Amino acid sequence: MHWTQSTGAHFTQGRIQRAWRTQGYERGRLGYPTSDEYSSGANKRQNYEGGYILWSSKAGARIFYS
């Protein structure tokens, strides 16, 4: 679980967490999570201060910066 006063408390797990790790966790460009993981169509998604990570079984984890 990760928490800040501005983003609240959010869990990261699995392949989305591994992708976030490659970006340097909260010290990276994505920053802290601003949502828990949720379904977005056939994908899983988690939002961060600086973008989001989208995971699908076909494409794996993809990182999008805002």
C-alpha atoms as a PDB file:
ATOM      1  CA  MET A   1       0.000   0.000   0.000  1.00  0.00           C
ATOM      2  CA  HIS A   2       1.188   3.506  -0.810  1.00  0.00           C
ATOM      3  CA  TRP A   3      -0.151   6.652   0.799  1.00  0.00           C
ATOM      4  CA  THR A   4       0.257  10.407   0.593  1.00  0.00           C
ATOM      5  CA  GLN A   5      -2.014  13.095   1.908  1.00  0.00           C
ATOM      6  CA  SER A   6      -2.752  14.338  -1.616  1.00  0.00           C
ATOM      7  CA  THR A   7      -3.309  10.941  -3.320  1.00  0.00           C
ATOM      8  CA  GLY A   8      -4.727   8.832  -0.494  1.00  0.00           C
ATOM      9  CA  ALA A   9      -3.993   5.140   0.051  1.00  0.00           C
ATOM     10  CA  HIS A  10      -3.779   2.751  -2.912  1.00  0.00           C
ATOM     11  CA  PHE A  11      -2.607  -0.812  -3.450  1.00  0.00           C
ATOM     12  CA  THR A  12      -0.321  -1.864  -6.270  1.00  0.00           C
ATOM     13  CA  GLN A  13       0.158  -5.487  -7.242  1.00  0.00           C
ATOM     14  CA  GLY A  14       1.213  -7.976  -9.879  1.00  0.00           C
ATOM     15  CA  ARG A  15       2.394  -6.939 -13.295  1.00  0.00           C
ATOM     16  CA  ILE A  16       1.273  -3.361 -12.919  1.00  0.00           C
ATOM     17  CA  GLN A  17       3.428  -3.082  -9.803  1.00  0.00           C
ATOM     18  CA  ARG A  18       6.374  -4.617 -11.674  1.00  0.00           C
ATOM     19  CA  ALA A  19       5.991  -2.039 -14.460  1.00  0.00           C
ATOM     20  CA  TRP A  20       5.838   0.750 -11.866  1.00  0.00           C
ATOM     21  CA  ARG A  21       9.016  -0.646 -10.281  1.00  0.00           C
ATOM     22  CA  THR A  22      10.861  -0.345 -13.604  1.00  0.00           C
ATOM     23  CA  GLN A  23       9.961   3.354 -13.575  1.00  0.00           C
ATOM     24  CA  GLY A  24      11.465   3.929 -10.124  1.00  0.00           C
ATOM     25  CA  TYR A  25       8.286   3.608  -8.042  1.00  0.00           C
ATOM     26  CA  GLU A  26       7.150   6.947  -6.577  1.00  0.00           C
ATOM     27  CA  ARG A  27      10.516   8.567  -7.393  1.00  0.00           C
ATOM     28  CA  GLY A  28       9.943   8.006 -11.122  1.00  0.00           C
ATOM     29  CA  ARG A  29       7.976  10.019 -13.638  1.00  0.00           C
ATOM     30  CA  LEU A  30       4.680   8.317 -12.740  1.00  0.00           C
ATOM     31  CA  GLY A  31       4.860   9.334  -9.076  1.00  0.00           C
ATOM     32  CA  TYR A  32       2.380   7.897  -6.576  1.00  0.00           C
ATOM     33  CA  PRO A  33      -0.734   5.906  -7.519  1.00  0.00           C
ATOM     34  CA  THR A  34      -3.973   7.900  -7.501  1.00  0.00           C
ATOM     35  CA  SER A  35      -6.289   4.886  -7.879  1.00  0.00           C
ATOM     36  CA  ASP A  36      -6.354   1.200  -7.140  1.00  0.00           C
ATOM     37  CA  GLU A  37      -6.142  -1.203 -10.073  1.00  0.00           C
ATOM     38  CA  TYR A  38      -9.449  -1.444 -11.946  1.00  0.00           C
ATOM     39  CA  SER A  39     -10.894  -3.037 -15.071  1.00  0.00           C
ATOM     40  CA  SER A  40     -10.985  -0.924 -18.212  1.00  0.00           C
ATOM     41  CA  GLY A  41     -12.675  -3.097 -20.816  1.00  0.00           C
ATOM     42  CA  ALA A  42     -10.563  -6.244 -21.182  1.00  0.00           C
ATOM     43  CA  ASN A  43      -7.578  -4.457 -19.591  1.00  0.00           C
ATOM     44  CA  LYS A  44      -6.437  -3.655 -16.079  1.00  0.00           C
ATOM     45  CA  ARG A  45      -5.475  -0.059 -15.365  1.00  0.00           C
ATOM     46  CA  GLN A  46      -3.979   1.933 -12.523  1.00  0.00           C
ATOM     47  CA  ASN A  47      -3.691   5.706 -12.493  1.00  0.00           C
ATOM     48  CA  TYR A  48      -0.690   7.634 -11.170  1.00  0.00           C
ATOM     49  CA  GLU A  49       0.156  11.280 -10.621  1.00  0.00           C
ATOM     50  CA  GLY A  50       2.047  11.385 -13.925  1.00  0.00           C
ATOM     51  CA  GLY A  51       0.042   8.994 -16.103  1.00  0.00           C
ATOM     52  CA  TYR A  52      -1.210   5.419 -15.936  1.00  0.00           C
ATOM     53  CA  ILE A  53      -0.258   1.807 -16.524  1.00  0.00           C
ATOM     54  CA  LEU A  54      -2.482  -0.366 -18.696  1.00  0.00           C
ATOM     55  CA  TRP A  55      -2.099  -4.147 -18.664  1.00  0.00           C
ATOM     56  CA  SER A  56      -3.588  -6.732 -21.025  1.00  0.00           C
ATOM     57  CA  SER A  57      -2.828 -10.383 -21.574  1.00  0.00           C
ATOM     58  CA  LYS A  58      -2.005  -9.652 -25.226  1.00  0.00           C
ATOM     59  CA  ALA A  59       0.205  -6.550 -24.868  1.00  0.00           C
ATOM     60  CA  GLY A  60       1.470  -6.827 -21.292  1.00  0.00           C
ATOM     61  CA  ALA A  61       2.043  -3.660 -19.271  1.00  0.00           C
ATOM     62  CA  ARG A  62       2.145  -0.371 -21.156  1.00  0.00           C
ATOM     63  CA  ILE A  63       3.000   2.947 -19.561  1.00  0.00           C
ATOM     64  CA  PHE A  64       1.330   6.192 -20.606  1.00  0.00           C
ATOM     65  CA  TYR A  65       2.532   9.566 -19.333  1.00  0.00           C
ATOM     66  CA  SER A  66       0.310  12.602 -19.004  1.00  0.00           C
END
